[in-house]
PDB file of all heavy atoms in Angstrom:
ATOM      1  N   ILE A   1      -1.719  -1.987  -8.071  1.00  0.00           N
ATOM      2  CA  ILE A   1      -0.466  -2.244  -7.369  1.00  0.00           C
ATOM      3  C   ILE A   1       0.608  -2.531  -8.408  1.00  0.00           C
ATOM      4  O   ILE A   1       0.492  -3.472  -9.192  1.00  0.00           O
ATOM      5  CB  ILE A   1      -0.611  -3.432  -6.398  1.00  0.00           C
ATOM      6  CG1 ILE A   1      -1.705  -3.123  -5.370  1.00  0.00           C
ATOM      7  CG2 ILE A   1       0.716  -3.725  -5.700  1.00  0.00           C
ATOM      8  CD1 ILE A   1      -2.062  -4.303  -4.490  1.00  0.00           C
ATOM      9  N   GLY A   2       1.646  -1.700  -8.429  1.00  0.00           N
ATOM     10  CA  GLY A   2       2.654  -1.772  -9.466  1.00  0.00           C
ATOM     11  C   GLY A   2       3.783  -2.739  -9.168  1.00  0.00           C
ATOM     12  O   GLY A   2       3.873  -3.327  -8.075  1.00  0.00           O
ATOM     13  N   PRO A   3       4.685  -2.913 -10.135  1.00  0.00           N
ATOM     14  CA  PRO A   3       5.785  -3.869 -10.014  1.00  0.00           C
ATOM     15  C   PRO A   3       6.718  -3.540  -8.846  1.00  0.00           C
ATOM     16  O   PRO A   3       7.016  -2.373  -8.576  1.00  0.00           O
ATOM     17  CB  PRO A   3       6.534  -3.728 -11.346  1.00  0.00           C
ATOM     18  CG  PRO A   3       5.550  -3.117 -12.285  1.00  0.00           C
ATOM     19  CD  PRO A   3       4.680  -2.243 -11.450  1.00  0.00           C
ATOM     20  N   GLY A   4       7.181  -4.592  -8.159  1.00  0.00           N
ATOM     21  CA  GLY A   4       8.185  -4.443  -7.127  1.00  0.00           C
ATOM     22  C   GLY A   4       7.693  -3.968  -5.784  1.00  0.00           C
ATOM     23  O   GLY A   4       8.495  -3.717  -4.876  1.00  0.00           O
ATOM     24  N   VAL A   5       6.381  -3.867  -5.593  1.00  0.00           N
ATOM     25  CA  VAL A   5       5.809  -3.298  -4.375  1.00  0.00           C
ATOM     26  C   VAL A   5       5.634  -4.367  -3.297  1.00  0.00           C
ATOM     27  O   VAL A   5       5.265  -5.501  -3.587  1.00  0.00           O
ATOM     28  CB  VAL A   5       4.453  -2.624  -4.686  1.00  0.00           C
ATOM     29  CG1 VAL A   5       3.639  -2.378  -3.421  1.00  0.00           C
ATOM     30  CG2 VAL A   5       4.676  -1.325  -5.436  1.00  0.00           C
ATOM     31  N   ARG A   6       5.881  -3.976  -2.056  1.00  0.00           N
ATOM     32  CA  ARG A   6       5.563  -4.792  -0.880  1.00  0.00           C
ATOM     33  C   ARG A   6       4.625  -3.985   0.018  1.00  0.00           C
ATOM     34  O   ARG A   6       4.937  -2.839   0.362  1.00  0.00           O
ATOM     35  CB  ARG A   6       6.824  -5.170  -0.102  1.00  0.00           C
ATOM     36  CG  ARG A   6       6.536  -5.926   1.206  1.00  0.00           C
ATOM     37  CD  ARG A   6       7.815  -6.248   1.957  1.00  0.00           C
ATOM     38  NE  ARG A   6       8.592  -7.265   1.281  1.00  0.00           N
ATOM     39  CZ  ARG A   6       8.491  -8.579   1.493  1.00  0.00           C
ATOM     40  NH1 ARG A   6       7.636  -9.036   2.411  1.00  0.00           N
ATOM     41  NH2 ARG A   6       9.224  -9.441   0.826  1.00  0.00           N
ATOM     42  N   ILE A   7       3.502  -4.590   0.400  1.00  0.00           N
ATOM     43  CA  ILE A   7       2.555  -3.948   1.322  1.00  0.00           C
ATOM     44  C   ILE A   7       2.656  -4.670   2.651  1.00  0.00           C
ATOM     45  O   ILE A   7       2.456  -5.884   2.732  1.00  0.00           O
ATOM     46  CB  ILE A   7       1.127  -3.989   0.767  1.00  0.00           C
ATOM     47  CG1 ILE A   7       1.070  -3.236  -0.574  1.00  0.00           C
ATOM     48  CG2 ILE A   7       0.148  -3.375   1.764  1.00  0.00           C
ATOM     49  CD1 ILE A   7      -0.274  -3.314  -1.260  1.00  0.00           C
ATOM     50  N   GLY A   8       2.975  -3.921   3.710  1.00  0.00           N
ATOM     51  CA  GLY A   8       3.275  -4.512   5.001  1.00  0.00           C
ATOM     52  C   GLY A   8       2.069  -5.050   5.735  1.00  0.00           C
ATOM     53  O   GLY A   8       0.913  -4.672   5.487  1.00  0.00           O
ATOM     54  N   ARG A   9       2.340  -5.907   6.666  1.00  0.00           N
ATOM     55  CA  ARG A   9       1.357  -6.640   7.447  1.00  0.00           C
ATOM     56  C   ARG A   9       0.288  -5.720   8.042  1.00  0.00           C
ATOM     57  O   ARG A   9       0.591  -4.668   8.604  1.00  0.00           O
ATOM     58  CB  ARG A   9       2.093  -7.378   8.563  1.00  0.00           C
ATOM     59  CG  ARG A   9       1.260  -8.287   9.441  1.00  0.00           C
ATOM     60  CD  ARG A   9       2.144  -8.894  10.523  1.00  0.00           C
ATOM     61  NE  ARG A   9       1.396  -9.789  11.387  1.00  0.00           N
ATOM     62  CZ  ARG A   9       1.302 -11.104  11.221  1.00  0.00           C
ATOM     63  NH1 ARG A   9       1.935 -11.671  10.206  1.00  0.00           N
ATOM     64  NH2 ARG A   9       0.608 -11.861  12.040  1.00  0.00           N
ATOM     65  N   ASN A  10      -0.972  -6.119   7.877  1.00  0.00           N
ATOM     66  CA  ASN A  10      -2.149  -5.477   8.488  1.00  0.00           C
ATOM     67  C   ASN A  10      -2.498  -4.108   7.916  1.00  0.00           C
ATOM     68  O   ASN A  10      -3.451  -3.474   8.386  1.00  0.00           O
ATOM     69  CB  ASN A  10      -1.980  -5.342  10.008  1.00  0.00           C
ATOM     70  CG  ASN A  10      -1.850  -6.673  10.705  1.00  0.00           C
ATOM     71  OD1 ASN A  10      -2.443  -7.665  10.270  1.00  0.00           O
ATOM     72  ND2 ASN A  10      -1.066  -6.718  11.770  1.00  0.00           N
ATOM     73  N   SER A  11      -1.789  -3.635   6.929  1.00  0.00           N
ATOM     74  CA  SER A  11      -2.075  -2.300   6.407  1.00  0.00           C
ATOM     75  C   SER A  11      -3.341  -2.292   5.553  1.00  0.00           C
ATOM     76  O   SER A  11      -3.797  -3.321   5.057  1.00  0.00           O
ATOM     77  CB  SER A  11      -0.889  -1.769   5.606  1.00  0.00           C
ATOM     78  OG  SER A  11       0.142  -1.366   6.480  1.00  0.00           O
ATOM     79  N   VAL A  12      -3.908  -1.098   5.415  1.00  0.00           N
ATOM     80  CA  VAL A  12      -5.136  -0.884   4.655  1.00  0.00           C
ATOM     81  C   VAL A  12      -4.833   0.091   3.522  1.00  0.00           C
ATOM     82  O   VAL A  12      -4.287   1.175   3.761  1.00  0.00           O
ATOM     83  CB  VAL A  12      -6.251  -0.315   5.554  1.00  0.00           C
ATOM     84  CG1 VAL A  12      -7.497   0.010   4.734  1.00  0.00           C
ATOM     85  CG2 VAL A  12      -6.586  -1.292   6.676  1.00  0.00           C
ATOM     86  N   ILE A  13      -5.203  -0.301   2.292  1.00  0.00           N
ATOM     87  CA  ILE A  13      -5.014   0.549   1.118  1.00  0.00           C
ATOM     88  C   ILE A  13      -6.382   1.051   0.672  1.00  0.00           C
ATOM     89  O   ILE A  13      -7.271   0.264   0.342  1.00  0.00           O
ATOM     90  CB  ILE A  13      -4.339  -0.231  -0.024  1.00  0.00           C
ATOM     91  CG1 ILE A  13      -3.041  -0.886   0.448  1.00  0.00           C
ATOM     92  CG2 ILE A  13      -4.097   0.702  -1.211  1.00  0.00           C
ATOM     93  CD1 ILE A  13      -1.990   0.069   0.954  1.00  0.00           C
ATOM     94  N   GLY A  14      -6.555   2.369   0.691  1.00  0.00           N
ATOM     95  CA  GLY A  14      -7.848   2.958   0.355  1.00  0.00           C
ATOM     96  C   GLY A  14      -8.231   2.739  -1.095  1.00  0.00           C
ATOM     97  O   GLY A  14      -7.381   2.602  -1.988  1.00  0.00           O
ATOM     98  N   ALA A  15      -9.532   2.704  -1.331  1.00  0.00           N
ATOM     99  CA  ALA A  15     -10.064   2.440  -2.666  1.00  0.00           C
ATOM    100  C   ALA A  15      -9.527   3.444  -3.682  1.00  0.00           C
ATOM    101  O   ALA A  15      -9.394   4.632  -3.399  1.00  0.00           O
ATOM    102  CB  ALA A  15     -11.590   2.498  -2.633  1.00  0.00           C
ATOM    103  N   GLY A  16      -9.217   2.946  -4.874  1.00  0.00           N
ATOM    104  CA  GLY A  16      -8.763   3.796  -5.961  1.00  0.00           C
ATOM    105  C   GLY A  16      -7.303   4.184  -5.904  1.00  0.00           C
ATOM    106  O   GLY A  16      -6.846   4.985  -6.728  1.00  0.00           O
ATOM    107  N   SER A  17      -6.553   3.612  -4.986  1.00  0.00           N
ATOM    108  CA  SER A  17      -5.149   3.982  -4.842  1.00  0.00           C
ATOM    109  C   SER A  17      -4.302   3.401  -5.980  1.00  0.00           C
ATOM    110  O   SER A  17      -4.640   2.375  -6.579  1.00  0.00           O
ATOM    111  CB  SER A  17      -4.593   3.482  -3.507  1.00  0.00           C
ATOM    112  OG  SER A  17      -5.206   4.149  -2.427  1.00  0.00           O
ATOM    113  N   VAL A  18      -3.170   4.078  -6.237  1.00  0.00           N
ATOM    114  CA  VAL A  18      -2.161   3.586  -7.169  1.00  0.00           C
ATOM    115  C   VAL A  18      -0.879   3.425  -6.367  1.00  0.00           C
ATOM    116  O   VAL A  18      -0.262   4.401  -5.958  1.00  0.00           O
ATOM    117  CB  VAL A  18      -1.956   4.555  -8.347  1.00  0.00           C
ATOM    118  CG1 VAL A  18      -0.856   4.038  -9.274  1.00  0.00           C
ATOM    119  CG2 VAL A  18      -3.261   4.732  -9.120  1.00  0.00           C
ATOM    120  N   VAL A  19      -0.519   2.163  -6.106  1.00  0.00           N
ATOM    121  CA  VAL A  19       0.589   1.867  -5.200  1.00  0.00           C
ATOM    122  C   VAL A  19       1.838   1.610  -6.033  1.00  0.00           C
ATOM    123  O   VAL A  19       1.942   0.594  -6.724  1.00  0.00           O
ATOM    124  CB  VAL A  19       0.275   0.644  -4.315  1.00  0.00           C
ATOM    125  CG1 VAL A  19       1.347   0.478  -3.248  1.00  0.00           C
ATOM    126  CG2 VAL A  19      -1.108   0.774  -3.679  1.00  0.00           C
ATOM    127  N   THR A  20       2.800   2.529  -5.960  1.00  0.00           N
ATOM    128  CA  THR A  20       4.022   2.424  -6.753  1.00  0.00           C
ATOM    129  C   THR A  20       5.258   2.221  -5.894  1.00  0.00           C
ATOM    130  O   THR A  20       6.327   1.930  -6.431  1.00  0.00           O
ATOM    131  CB  THR A  20       4.221   3.690  -7.604  1.00  0.00           C
ATOM    132  OG1 THR A  20       4.305   4.836  -6.739  1.00  0.00           O
ATOM    133  CG2 THR A  20       3.062   3.888  -8.573  1.00  0.00           C
ATOM    134  N   LYS A  21       5.121   2.376  -4.570  1.00  0.00           N
ATOM    135  CA  LYS A  21       6.245   2.187  -3.649  1.00  0.00           C
ATOM    136  C   LYS A  21       5.782   1.347  -2.463  1.00  0.00           C
ATOM    137  O   LYS A  21       4.579   1.232  -2.203  1.00  0.00           O
ATOM    138  CB  LYS A  21       6.787   3.535  -3.162  1.00  0.00           C
ATOM    139  CG  LYS A  21       7.361   4.412  -4.277  1.00  0.00           C
ATOM    140  CD  LYS A  21       7.960   5.683  -3.730  1.00  0.00           C
ATOM    141  CE  LYS A  21       8.464   6.584  -4.868  1.00  0.00           C
ATOM    142  NZ  LYS A  21       9.491   5.929  -5.690  1.00  0.00           N
ATOM    143  N   ASP A  22       6.744   0.787  -1.736  1.00  0.00           N
ATOM    144  CA  ASP A  22       6.419  -0.042  -0.579  1.00  0.00           C
ATOM    145  C   ASP A  22       5.595   0.722   0.444  1.00  0.00           C
ATOM    146  O   ASP A  22       5.795   1.928   0.656  1.00  0.00           O
ATOM    147  CB  ASP A  22       7.704  -0.526   0.099  1.00  0.00           C
ATOM    148  CG  ASP A  22       8.460  -1.554  -0.729  1.00  0.00           C
ATOM    149  OD1 ASP A  22       7.951  -1.965  -1.786  1.00  0.00           O
ATOM    150  OD2 ASP A  22       9.568  -1.930  -0.305  1.00  0.00           O
ATOM    151  N   ILE A  23       4.680   0.002   1.094  1.00  0.00           N
ATOM    152  CA  ILE A  23       3.862   0.543   2.179  1.00  0.00           C
ATOM    153  C   ILE A  23       4.238  -0.220   3.449  1.00  0.00           C
ATOM    154  O   ILE A  23       4.238  -1.450   3.452  1.00  0.00           O
ATOM    155  CB  ILE A  23       2.356   0.379   1.876  1.00  0.00           C
ATOM    156  CG1 ILE A  23       1.984   1.108   0.571  1.00  0.00           C
ATOM    157  CG2 ILE A  23       1.521   0.885   3.042  1.00  0.00           C
ATOM    158  CD1 ILE A  23       2.160   2.601   0.592  1.00  0.00           C
ATOM    159  N   PRO A  24       4.547   0.482   4.541  1.00  0.00           N
ATOM    160  CA  PRO A  24       4.947  -0.222   5.769  1.00  0.00           C
ATOM    161  C   PRO A  24       3.774  -0.938   6.423  1.00  0.00           C
ATOM    162  O   PRO A  24       2.615  -0.773   6.028  1.00  0.00           O
ATOM    163  CB  PRO A  24       5.481   0.900   6.657  1.00  0.00           C
ATOM    164  CG  PRO A  24       4.804   2.131   6.159  1.00  0.00           C
ATOM    165  CD  PRO A  24       4.613   1.939   4.687  1.00  0.00           C
ATOM    166  N   ALA A  25       4.069  -1.697   7.445  1.00  0.00           N
ATOM    167  CA  ALA A  25       3.047  -2.446   8.176  1.00  0.00           C
ATOM    168  C   ALA A  25       2.207  -1.520   9.047  1.00  0.00           C
ATOM    169  O   ALA A  25       2.661  -0.456   9.482  1.00  0.00           O
ATOM    170  CB  ALA A  25       3.703  -3.516   9.042  1.00  0.00           C
ATOM    171  N   ASN A  26       0.957  -1.924   9.282  1.00  0.00           N
ATOM    172  CA  ASN A  26       0.085  -1.298  10.284  1.00  0.00           C
ATOM    173  C   ASN A  26      -0.185   0.181  10.022  1.00  0.00           C
ATOM    174  O   ASN A  26      -0.118   1.015  10.924  1.00  0.00           O
ATOM    175  CB  ASN A  26       0.677  -1.484  11.688  1.00  0.00           C
ATOM    176  CG  ASN A  26       0.794  -2.937  12.068  1.00  0.00           C
ATOM    177  OD1 ASN A  26      -0.189  -3.665  12.116  1.00  0.00           O
ATOM    178  ND2 ASN A  26       2.025  -3.384  12.307  1.00  0.00           N
ATOM    179  N   VAL A  27      -0.489   0.512   8.761  1.00  0.00           N
ATOM    180  CA  VAL A  27      -0.842   1.885   8.414  1.00  0.00           C
ATOM    181  C   VAL A  27      -2.055   1.886   7.494  1.00  0.00           C
ATOM    182  O   VAL A  27      -2.397   0.875   6.874  1.00  0.00           O
ATOM    183  CB  VAL A  27       0.317   2.634   7.720  1.00  0.00           C
ATOM    184  CG1 VAL A  27       1.538   2.729   8.632  1.00  0.00           C
ATOM    185  CG2 VAL A  27       0.677   1.987   6.378  1.00  0.00           C
ATOM    186  N   VAL A  28      -2.708   3.035   7.408  1.00  0.00           N
ATOM    187  CA  VAL A  28      -3.716   3.306   6.384  1.00  0.00           C
ATOM    188  C   VAL A  28      -3.048   4.180   5.336  1.00  0.00           C
ATOM    189  O   VAL A  28      -2.462   5.220   5.663  1.00  0.00           O
ATOM    190  CB  VAL A  28      -4.949   4.014   6.972  1.00  0.00           C
ATOM    191  CG1 VAL A  28      -5.926   4.389   5.860  1.00  0.00           C
ATOM    192  CG2 VAL A  28      -5.630   3.128   8.006  1.00  0.00           C
ATOM    193  N   ALA A  29      -3.117   3.772   4.073  1.00  0.00           N
ATOM    194  CA  ALA A  29      -2.502   4.517   2.977  1.00  0.00           C
ATOM    195  C   ALA A  29      -3.503   4.651   1.850  1.00  0.00           C
ATOM    196  O   ALA A  29      -4.306   3.749   1.599  1.00  0.00           O
ATOM    197  CB  ALA A  29      -1.238   3.809   2.492  1.00  0.00           C
ATOM    198  N   VAL A  30      -3.456   5.783   1.158  1.00  0.00           N
ATOM    199  CA  VAL A  30      -4.444   6.038   0.111  1.00  0.00           C
ATOM    200  C   VAL A  30      -3.875   7.060  -0.863  1.00  0.00           C
ATOM    201  O   VAL A  30      -2.996   7.854  -0.514  1.00  0.00           O
ATOM    202  CB  VAL A  30      -5.770   6.551   0.733  1.00  0.00           C
ATOM    203  CG1 VAL A  30      -5.591   7.898   1.400  1.00  0.00           C
ATOM    204  CG2 VAL A  30      -6.891   6.599  -0.301  1.00  0.00           C
ATOM    205  N   GLY A  31      -4.372   7.041  -2.095  1.00  0.00           N
ATOM    206  CA  GLY A  31      -4.071   8.111  -3.036  1.00  0.00           C
ATOM    207  C   GLY A  31      -3.344   7.653  -4.279  1.00  0.00           C
ATOM    208  O   GLY A  31      -2.989   6.497  -4.456  1.00  0.00           O
TER     209      GLY A  31
END
């Protein structure tokens, strides 16, 4: 998880992901 990122409430981040931008609430995100 990189600098400045916000991950929204209840969301799921898949294994091995590189999070460089905000992720909204209540989603599955990966990659």
